[in-house]
């Protein structure tokens, strides 16, 4: 499954064309009410089991009805929303191990900066031969910690500016 997901992620990497973005916009609009219903619990809530969708490829006579997890349909809604805005999409399994280049790209920093973080122990990693591998989960935990610290620092600066009546 990992290889299939990685292959799928590569297929989704290019930015959507204008036609794809328009189709995604329309699909997202149509899917919106269904997704909203998934977030409203009711007495006969079968969404824990799954939701039924019908797949039909234009030009083909056959169509297929599938049961998928409600969370997968929500993910599809998120993908369509991003595509509608012209954004590129990449799916990464949460248990994936990333190269230093992939980790750097995810954090929008240089590869040498990531290597320094790994060497200092700021982000756990393992070595495969001479190469370092970082778990996606560990990288996202580091990102959350740094984002939270940055937010706290910014809040502190805003508070100081207000105390000093700097006009902000």
N, C-alpha and C. Protein backbone atom coordinates (compact mmCIF):
# COMPACT_ATOMS: atom_id res chain seq x y z
N UNK A 1 0.82 -1.19 0.00
CA UNK A 1 0.00 0.00 0.00
C UNK A 1 0.86 1.25 0.00
N UNK A 2 2.01 1.22 0.71
CA UNK A 2 2.88 2.37 0.75
C UNK A 2 3.35 2.78 -0.64
N UNK A 3 3.74 1.79 -1.46
CA UNK A 3 4.21 2.10 -2.81
C UNK A 3 3.08 2.68 -3.65
N UNK A 4 1.87 2.12 -3.49
CA UNK A 4 0.74 2.64 -4.26
C UNK A 4 0.43 4.07 -3.86
N UNK A 5 0.51 4.36 -2.57
CA UNK A 5 0.23 5.71 -2.11
C UNK A 5 1.29 6.68 -2.60
N UNK A 6 2.56 6.25 -2.55
CA UNK A 6 3.62 7.12 -3.04
C UNK A 6 3.43 7.40 -4.52
N UNK A 7 3.06 6.38 -5.29
CA UNK A 7 2.82 6.57 -6.72
C UNK A 7 1.66 7.53 -6.94
N UNK A 8 0.60 7.39 -6.15
CA UNK A 8 -0.54 8.28 -6.27
C UNK A 8 -0.15 9.70 -5.93
N UNK A 9 0.68 9.85 -4.90
CA UNK A 9 1.08 11.18 -4.49
C UNK A 9 1.84 11.87 -5.62
N UNK A 10 2.67 11.12 -6.32
CA UNK A 10 3.41 11.72 -7.44
C UNK A 10 2.44 12.16 -8.53
N UNK A 11 1.41 11.39 -8.78
CA UNK A 11 0.45 11.77 -9.81
C UNK A 11 -0.29 13.05 -9.43
N UNK A 12 -0.48 13.29 -8.14
CA UNK A 12 -1.21 14.46 -7.70
C UNK A 12 -0.31 15.68 -7.53
N UNK A 13 1.00 15.54 -7.69
CA UNK A 13 1.92 16.63 -7.45
C UNK A 13 1.78 17.83 -8.37
N UNK A 14 1.60 17.62 -9.69
CA UNK A 14 1.52 18.82 -10.53
C UNK A 14 0.32 19.67 -10.16
N UNK A 15 0.43 21.00 -10.33
CA UNK A 15 -0.73 21.83 -10.04
C UNK A 15 -1.86 21.46 -11.00
N UNK A 16 -3.09 21.56 -10.53
CA UNK A 16 -4.21 21.23 -11.42
C UNK A 16 -4.30 22.23 -12.57
N UNK A 17 -4.75 21.74 -13.71
CA UNK A 17 -4.99 22.63 -14.84
C UNK A 17 -6.22 23.47 -14.50
N UNK A 18 -6.47 24.49 -15.29
CA UNK A 18 -7.65 25.33 -15.05
C UNK A 18 -8.94 24.51 -15.19
N UNK A 19 -8.97 23.59 -16.14
CA UNK A 19 -10.15 22.74 -16.31
C UNK A 19 -10.35 21.83 -15.10
N UNK A 20 -9.25 21.27 -14.58
CA UNK A 20 -9.34 20.42 -13.39
C UNK A 20 -9.78 21.23 -12.18
N UNK A 21 -9.26 22.45 -12.05
CA UNK A 21 -9.64 23.30 -10.92
C UNK A 21 -11.13 23.63 -10.99
N UNK A 22 -11.63 23.92 -12.19
CA UNK A 22 -13.06 24.23 -12.35
C UNK A 22 -13.92 23.02 -12.02
N UNK A 23 -13.51 21.85 -12.48
CA UNK A 23 -14.25 20.61 -12.17
C UNK A 23 -14.21 20.34 -10.67
N UNK A 24 -13.06 20.56 -10.05
CA UNK A 24 -12.93 20.37 -8.60
C UNK A 24 -13.83 21.35 -7.86
N UNK A 25 -13.91 22.59 -8.34
CA UNK A 25 -14.79 23.60 -7.71
C UNK A 25 -16.25 23.14 -7.73
N UNK A 26 -16.69 22.67 -8.90
CA UNK A 26 -18.08 22.21 -9.04
C UNK A 26 -18.33 20.97 -8.19
N UNK A 27 -17.39 20.03 -8.21
CA UNK A 27 -17.54 18.80 -7.42
C UNK A 27 -17.58 19.11 -5.93
N UNK A 28 -16.71 20.02 -5.51
CA UNK A 28 -16.66 20.42 -4.10
C UNK A 28 -17.98 21.06 -3.68
N UNK A 29 -18.51 21.90 -4.55
CA UNK A 29 -19.79 22.56 -4.27
C UNK A 29 -20.91 21.52 -4.12
N UNK A 30 -20.92 20.52 -5.00
CA UNK A 30 -21.95 19.48 -4.95
C UNK A 30 -21.77 18.57 -3.72
N UNK A 31 -20.53 18.32 -3.35
CA UNK A 31 -20.24 17.43 -2.23
C UNK A 31 -20.44 18.12 -0.88
N UNK A 32 -20.40 19.44 -0.87
CA UNK A 32 -20.49 20.22 0.37
C UNK A 32 -21.63 19.84 1.29
N UNK A 33 -22.87 19.83 0.80
CA UNK A 33 -23.99 19.48 1.69
C UNK A 33 -23.88 18.08 2.29
N UNK A 34 -23.37 17.13 1.52
CA UNK A 34 -23.20 15.77 2.03
C UNK A 34 -22.16 15.75 3.14
N UNK A 35 -21.06 16.47 2.93
CA UNK A 35 -20.03 16.53 3.97
C UNK A 35 -20.54 17.22 5.22
N UNK A 36 -21.35 18.26 5.04
CA UNK A 36 -21.93 18.95 6.20
C UNK A 36 -22.81 18.00 7.00
N UNK A 37 -23.57 17.14 6.31
CA UNK A 37 -24.42 16.17 6.99
C UNK A 37 -23.60 15.16 7.79
N UNK A 38 -22.39 14.85 7.33
CA UNK A 38 -21.54 13.88 8.04
C UNK A 38 -21.10 14.41 9.40
N UNK A 39 -21.06 15.74 9.55
CA UNK A 39 -20.61 16.34 10.80
C UNK A 39 -21.76 16.52 11.79
N UNK A 40 -23.01 16.28 11.34
CA UNK A 40 -24.17 16.43 12.21
C UNK A 40 -24.63 15.03 12.63
N UNK A 41 -24.41 14.64 13.91
CA UNK A 41 -24.83 13.31 14.34
C UNK A 41 -26.35 13.20 14.42
N UNK A 42 -26.86 12.03 14.07
CA UNK A 42 -28.29 11.77 14.23
C UNK A 42 -28.49 10.37 14.80
N UNK A 43 -29.76 10.02 15.07
CA UNK A 43 -30.02 8.74 15.73
C UNK A 43 -29.58 7.55 14.89
N UNK A 44 -29.77 7.62 13.59
CA UNK A 44 -29.41 6.47 12.73
C UNK A 44 -28.10 6.75 12.01
N UNK A 45 -27.08 7.12 12.78
CA UNK A 45 -25.80 7.50 12.20
C UNK A 45 -24.99 6.26 11.84
N UNK A 46 -25.02 5.91 10.55
CA UNK A 46 -24.27 4.76 10.05
C UNK A 46 -22.91 5.19 9.48
N UNK A 47 -22.56 6.46 9.60
CA UNK A 47 -21.31 6.94 9.00
C UNK A 47 -20.10 6.35 9.69
N UNK A 48 -20.27 5.77 10.89
CA UNK A 48 -19.14 5.11 11.53
C UNK A 48 -18.73 3.89 10.71
N UNK A 49 -19.69 3.25 10.09
CA UNK A 49 -19.41 2.11 9.22
C UNK A 49 -18.85 2.57 7.89
N UNK A 50 -19.48 3.55 7.30
CA UNK A 50 -19.04 4.04 6.00
C UNK A 50 -20.14 4.77 5.28
N UNK A 51 -19.79 5.29 4.13
CA UNK A 51 -20.75 5.95 3.26
C UNK A 51 -20.68 5.28 1.90
N UNK A 52 -21.80 5.33 1.20
CA UNK A 52 -21.88 4.68 -0.11
C UNK A 52 -21.71 5.74 -1.19
N UNK A 53 -20.81 5.47 -2.13
CA UNK A 53 -20.65 6.38 -3.26
C UNK A 53 -20.74 5.57 -4.55
N UNK A 54 -21.15 6.23 -5.62
CA UNK A 54 -21.24 5.58 -6.93
C UNK A 54 -20.18 6.19 -7.83
N UNK A 55 -19.42 5.34 -8.48
CA UNK A 55 -18.36 5.78 -9.39
C UNK A 55 -18.75 5.38 -10.81
N UNK A 56 -18.77 6.37 -11.69
CA UNK A 56 -19.08 6.11 -13.10
C UNK A 56 -18.09 6.89 -13.95
N UNK A 57 -17.42 6.20 -14.85
CA UNK A 57 -16.48 6.84 -15.76
C UNK A 57 -17.23 7.15 -17.05
N UNK A 58 -17.29 8.43 -17.45
CA UNK A 58 -17.99 8.77 -18.71
C UNK A 58 -17.45 7.95 -19.88
N UNK A 59 -18.38 7.50 -20.72
CA UNK A 59 -18.00 6.69 -21.88
C UNK A 59 -17.96 5.20 -21.58
N UNK A 60 -18.08 4.84 -20.33
CA UNK A 60 -18.10 3.42 -19.95
C UNK A 60 -19.51 3.08 -19.49
N UNK A 61 -19.95 1.86 -19.79
CA UNK A 61 -21.32 1.50 -19.42
C UNK A 61 -21.44 1.11 -17.95
N UNK A 62 -20.38 0.59 -17.38
CA UNK A 62 -20.46 0.10 -16.00
C UNK A 62 -20.24 1.23 -15.00
N UNK A 63 -20.92 1.10 -13.88
CA UNK A 63 -20.64 1.98 -12.74
C UNK A 63 -20.52 1.08 -11.52
N UNK A 64 -19.85 1.59 -10.51
CA UNK A 64 -19.57 0.78 -9.32
C UNK A 64 -20.05 1.53 -8.09
N UNK A 65 -20.69 0.84 -7.17
CA UNK A 65 -21.08 1.41 -5.89
C UNK A 65 -20.11 0.89 -4.84
N UNK A 66 -19.56 1.82 -4.07
CA UNK A 66 -18.55 1.46 -3.07
C UNK A 66 -18.97 1.95 -1.69
N UNK A 67 -18.58 1.20 -0.67
CA UNK A 67 -18.69 1.68 0.71
C UNK A 67 -17.30 2.14 1.10
N UNK A 68 -17.18 3.40 1.52
CA UNK A 68 -15.89 3.92 1.96
C UNK A 68 -16.06 4.54 3.34
N UNK A 69 -14.99 4.64 4.10
CA UNK A 69 -15.09 5.32 5.40
C UNK A 69 -15.50 6.78 5.21
N UNK A 70 -16.30 7.29 6.13
CA UNK A 70 -16.72 8.70 6.06
C UNK A 70 -15.50 9.62 6.07
N UNK A 71 -14.47 9.22 6.80
CA UNK A 71 -13.26 10.05 6.85
C UNK A 71 -12.59 10.14 5.47
N UNK A 72 -12.70 9.10 4.65
CA UNK A 72 -12.14 9.14 3.30
C UNK A 72 -12.92 10.12 2.43
N UNK A 73 -14.24 10.18 2.63
CA UNK A 73 -15.04 11.14 1.86
C UNK A 73 -14.71 12.56 2.29
N UNK A 74 -14.47 12.77 3.59
CA UNK A 74 -14.05 14.10 4.05
C UNK A 74 -12.71 14.48 3.44
N UNK A 75 -11.78 13.52 3.36
CA UNK A 75 -10.48 13.77 2.75
C UNK A 75 -10.65 14.14 1.27
N UNK A 76 -11.54 13.45 0.59
CA UNK A 76 -11.82 13.79 -0.81
C UNK A 76 -12.33 15.22 -0.92
N UNK A 77 -13.19 15.62 0.01
CA UNK A 77 -13.68 17.01 0.02
C UNK A 77 -12.55 18.00 0.19
N UNK A 78 -11.61 17.69 1.07
CA UNK A 78 -10.45 18.57 1.29
C UNK A 78 -9.59 18.64 0.03
N UNK A 79 -9.37 17.50 -0.61
CA UNK A 79 -8.57 17.47 -1.83
C UNK A 79 -9.24 18.31 -2.92
N UNK A 80 -10.55 18.17 -3.09
CA UNK A 80 -11.26 18.94 -4.10
C UNK A 80 -11.18 20.44 -3.82
N UNK A 81 -11.31 20.82 -2.55
CA UNK A 81 -11.23 22.23 -2.18
C UNK A 81 -9.86 22.80 -2.53
N UNK A 82 -8.80 22.06 -2.21
CA UNK A 82 -7.45 22.53 -2.52
C UNK A 82 -7.23 22.61 -4.03
N UNK A 83 -7.67 21.59 -4.75
CA UNK A 83 -7.53 21.61 -6.22
C UNK A 83 -8.30 22.77 -6.83
N UNK A 84 -9.48 23.06 -6.29
CA UNK A 84 -10.30 24.15 -6.81
C UNK A 84 -9.58 25.49 -6.69
N UNK A 85 -8.70 25.59 -5.69
CA UNK A 85 -7.93 26.82 -5.49
C UNK A 85 -6.61 26.79 -6.26
N UNK A 86 -6.39 25.72 -7.05
CA UNK A 86 -5.18 25.62 -7.86
C UNK A 86 -3.98 25.12 -7.11
N UNK A 87 -4.17 24.58 -5.90
CA UNK A 87 -3.05 24.10 -5.09
C UNK A 87 -2.64 22.69 -5.48
N UNK A 88 -1.34 22.41 -5.33
CA UNK A 88 -0.83 21.06 -5.53
C UNK A 88 -1.18 20.22 -4.31
N UNK A 89 -1.34 18.93 -4.51
CA UNK A 89 -1.71 18.01 -3.43
C UNK A 89 -0.67 16.91 -3.34
N UNK A 90 -0.25 16.59 -2.12
CA UNK A 90 0.60 15.44 -1.87
C UNK A 90 0.06 14.71 -0.66
N UNK A 91 -0.10 13.42 -0.78
CA UNK A 91 -0.54 12.59 0.35
C UNK A 91 0.68 11.90 0.93
N UNK A 92 0.83 11.98 2.24
CA UNK A 92 1.94 11.33 2.92
C UNK A 92 1.39 10.47 4.05
N UNK A 93 1.66 9.17 4.02
CA UNK A 93 1.20 8.34 5.13
C UNK A 93 1.86 8.80 6.42
N UNK A 94 1.13 8.77 7.51
CA UNK A 94 1.62 9.29 8.78
C UNK A 94 2.83 8.52 9.28
N UNK A 95 2.97 7.26 8.90
CA UNK A 95 4.09 6.44 9.35
C UNK A 95 5.30 6.52 8.40
N UNK A 96 5.21 7.36 7.38
CA UNK A 96 6.27 7.45 6.38
C UNK A 96 7.57 7.95 6.98
N UNK A 97 8.66 7.47 6.42
CA UNK A 97 9.98 7.98 6.75
C UNK A 97 10.44 8.84 5.58
N UNK A 98 10.94 10.02 5.90
CA UNK A 98 11.31 10.99 4.88
C UNK A 98 12.82 11.13 4.79
N UNK A 99 13.29 11.47 3.61
CA UNK A 99 14.70 11.83 3.46
C UNK A 99 14.89 13.23 4.03
N UNK A 100 16.13 13.64 4.20
CA UNK A 100 16.38 14.99 4.71
C UNK A 100 15.87 16.04 3.71
N UNK A 101 15.95 15.74 2.43
CA UNK A 101 15.45 16.67 1.40
C UNK A 101 13.93 16.82 1.52
N UNK A 102 13.22 15.70 1.67
CA UNK A 102 11.77 15.75 1.81
C UNK A 102 11.37 16.50 3.09
N UNK A 103 12.10 16.24 4.18
CA UNK A 103 11.82 16.92 5.45
C UNK A 103 12.05 18.42 5.30
N UNK A 104 13.12 18.79 4.65
CA UNK A 104 13.43 20.21 4.44
C UNK A 104 12.34 20.86 3.59
N UNK A 105 11.89 20.18 2.55
CA UNK A 105 10.82 20.73 1.70
C UNK A 105 9.53 20.92 2.48
N UNK A 106 9.21 19.96 3.36
CA UNK A 106 7.98 20.08 4.16
C UNK A 106 8.02 21.26 5.12
N UNK A 107 9.19 21.52 5.70
CA UNK A 107 9.33 22.63 6.64
C UNK A 107 9.71 23.94 5.95
N UNK A 108 9.96 23.86 4.64
CA UNK A 108 10.35 25.03 3.86
C UNK A 108 11.67 25.63 4.38
N UNK A 109 12.62 24.75 4.65
CA UNK A 109 13.96 25.15 5.10
C UNK A 109 14.98 24.42 4.23
N UNK A 110 16.24 24.75 4.41
CA UNK A 110 17.29 24.09 3.62
C UNK A 110 17.60 22.70 4.19
N UNK A 111 18.16 21.86 3.34
CA UNK A 111 18.56 20.53 3.79
C UNK A 111 19.67 20.60 4.84
N UNK A 112 20.67 21.48 4.68
CA UNK A 112 21.69 21.59 5.74
C UNK A 112 21.10 22.01 7.09
N UNK A 113 20.07 22.86 7.07
CA UNK A 113 19.43 23.26 8.33
C UNK A 113 18.78 22.04 9.00
N UNK A 114 18.10 21.21 8.21
CA UNK A 114 17.48 19.98 8.75
C UNK A 114 18.57 19.07 9.33
N UNK A 115 19.68 18.94 8.61
CA UNK A 115 20.78 18.09 9.10
C UNK A 115 21.29 18.59 10.44
N UNK A 116 21.41 19.91 10.61
CA UNK A 116 21.85 20.46 11.90
C UNK A 116 20.84 20.14 13.00
N UNK A 117 19.54 20.23 12.69
CA UNK A 117 18.51 19.89 13.67
C UNK A 117 18.60 18.42 14.07
N UNK A 118 18.84 17.56 13.10
CA UNK A 118 18.95 16.13 13.38
C UNK A 118 20.19 15.85 14.23
N UNK A 119 21.30 16.46 13.86
CA UNK A 119 22.55 16.24 14.59
C UNK A 119 22.46 16.75 16.03
N UNK A 120 21.70 17.84 16.24
CA UNK A 120 21.57 18.40 17.60
C UNK A 120 20.56 17.63 18.45
N UNK A 121 19.79 16.73 17.82
CA UNK A 121 18.79 15.96 18.56
C UNK A 121 17.45 16.65 18.65
N UNK A 122 17.27 17.77 17.97
CA UNK A 122 15.99 18.49 18.01
C UNK A 122 14.87 17.68 17.36
N UNK A 123 15.24 16.87 16.38
CA UNK A 123 14.27 15.99 15.72
C UNK A 123 14.86 14.58 15.73
N UNK A 124 14.12 13.61 16.28
CA UNK A 124 14.63 12.23 16.28
C UNK A 124 14.74 11.70 14.84
N UNK A 125 15.71 10.85 14.60
CA UNK A 125 15.89 10.25 13.28
C UNK A 125 16.63 8.93 13.44
N UNK A 126 16.76 8.22 12.33
CA UNK A 126 17.57 7.01 12.32
C UNK A 126 18.42 7.05 11.06
N UNK A 127 19.48 6.27 11.08
CA UNK A 127 20.37 6.21 9.93
C UNK A 127 20.16 4.90 9.18
N UNK A 128 20.12 5.01 7.88
CA UNK A 128 20.07 3.86 6.99
C UNK A 128 21.35 3.95 6.16
N UNK A 129 22.36 3.20 6.58
CA UNK A 129 23.67 3.38 5.96
C UNK A 129 24.20 4.75 6.36
N UNK A 130 24.52 5.56 5.37
CA UNK A 130 24.99 6.92 5.65
C UNK A 130 23.84 7.94 5.62
N UNK A 131 22.66 7.50 5.27
CA UNK A 131 21.53 8.41 5.07
C UNK A 131 20.63 8.48 6.30
N UNK A 132 20.15 9.66 6.58
CA UNK A 132 19.24 9.87 7.70
C UNK A 132 17.80 9.75 7.22
N UNK A 133 16.94 9.21 8.09
CA UNK A 133 15.51 9.12 7.81
C UNK A 133 14.76 9.72 9.00
N UNK A 134 13.75 10.51 8.69
CA UNK A 134 12.95 11.19 9.70
C UNK A 134 11.51 10.72 9.57
N UNK A 135 10.92 10.32 10.68
CA UNK A 135 9.50 9.94 10.64
C UNK A 135 8.65 11.19 10.45
N UNK A 136 7.67 11.08 9.60
CA UNK A 136 6.76 12.20 9.32
C UNK A 136 6.14 12.71 10.63
N UNK A 137 5.73 11.79 11.50
CA UNK A 137 5.11 12.16 12.77
C UNK A 137 6.07 13.00 13.61
N UNK A 138 7.32 12.59 13.68
CA UNK A 138 8.31 13.32 14.47
C UNK A 138 8.54 14.72 13.89
N UNK A 139 8.57 14.80 12.57
CA UNK A 139 8.77 16.09 11.92
C UNK A 139 7.60 17.03 12.21
N UNK A 140 6.38 16.49 12.17
CA UNK A 140 5.20 17.32 12.44
C UNK A 140 5.13 17.73 13.91
N UNK A 141 5.61 16.87 14.81
CA UNK A 141 5.67 17.25 16.23
C UNK A 141 6.65 18.41 16.43
N UNK A 142 7.80 18.34 15.77
CA UNK A 142 8.78 19.44 15.84
C UNK A 142 8.16 20.72 15.28
N UNK A 143 7.48 20.60 14.15
CA UNK A 143 6.84 21.78 13.53
C UNK A 143 5.81 22.39 14.46
N UNK A 144 5.01 21.55 15.09
CA UNK A 144 3.98 22.06 16.02
C UNK A 144 4.64 22.77 17.20
N UNK A 145 5.71 22.18 17.75
CA UNK A 145 6.41 22.82 18.87
C UNK A 145 6.95 24.18 18.47
N UNK A 146 7.59 24.26 17.31
CA UNK A 146 8.17 25.54 16.89
C UNK A 146 7.08 26.55 16.53
N UNK A 147 5.99 26.08 15.92
CA UNK A 147 4.87 26.98 15.60
C UNK A 147 4.24 27.52 16.88
N UNK A 148 4.06 26.65 17.88
CA UNK A 148 3.48 27.08 19.16
C UNK A 148 4.39 28.09 19.85
N UNK A 149 5.70 27.83 19.85
CA UNK A 149 6.66 28.75 20.47
C UNK A 149 6.64 30.10 19.75
N UNK A 150 6.60 30.06 18.43
CA UNK A 150 6.55 31.29 17.64
C UNK A 150 5.28 32.09 17.96
N UNK A 151 4.18 31.38 18.08
CA UNK A 151 2.91 32.04 18.39
C UNK A 151 2.94 32.68 19.78
N UNK A 152 3.50 31.95 20.76
CA UNK A 152 3.62 32.51 22.12
C UNK A 152 4.50 33.76 22.11
N UNK A 153 5.63 33.70 21.40
CA UNK A 153 6.52 34.86 21.31
C UNK A 153 5.82 36.05 20.67
N UNK A 154 5.06 35.79 19.63
CA UNK A 154 4.34 36.87 18.96
C UNK A 154 3.28 37.47 19.88
N UNK A 155 2.56 36.63 20.61
CA UNK A 155 1.57 37.12 21.57
C UNK A 155 2.23 38.00 22.64
N UNK A 156 3.41 37.57 23.08
CA UNK A 156 4.16 38.34 24.07
C UNK A 156 4.58 39.70 23.52
N UNK A 157 5.01 39.73 22.28
CA UNK A 157 5.40 41.00 21.65
C UNK A 157 4.20 41.94 21.51
N UNK A 158 3.06 41.38 21.13
CA UNK A 158 1.84 42.18 20.99
C UNK A 158 1.45 42.76 22.34
N UNK A 159 1.52 41.93 23.39
CA UNK A 159 1.18 42.40 24.73
C UNK A 159 2.12 43.53 25.17
N UNK A 160 3.41 43.36 24.91
CA UNK A 160 4.37 44.41 25.26
C UNK A 160 4.09 45.70 24.49
N UNK A 161 3.77 45.57 23.21
CA UNK A 161 3.47 46.75 22.40
C UNK A 161 2.24 47.47 22.94
N UNK A 162 1.24 46.72 23.39
CA UNK A 162 0.04 47.33 23.94
C UNK A 162 0.34 48.01 25.28
N UNK A 163 1.17 47.38 26.11
CA UNK A 163 1.54 47.98 27.39
C UNK A 163 2.33 49.27 27.19
N UNK A 164 3.13 49.32 26.14
CA UNK A 164 3.94 50.51 25.87
C UNK A 164 3.17 51.53 25.02
N UNK A 165 1.88 51.23 24.74
CA UNK A 165 1.01 52.11 23.97
C UNK A 165 1.67 52.54 22.66
N UNK A 166 2.10 51.52 21.89
CA UNK A 166 2.79 51.80 20.65
C UNK A 166 1.82 51.98 19.47
N UNK A 167 0.52 52.01 19.74
CA UNK A 167 -0.45 52.25 18.69
C UNK A 167 -0.86 51.03 17.89
N UNK A 168 -0.56 49.84 18.38
CA UNK A 168 -0.95 48.62 17.66
C UNK A 168 -2.24 48.10 18.21
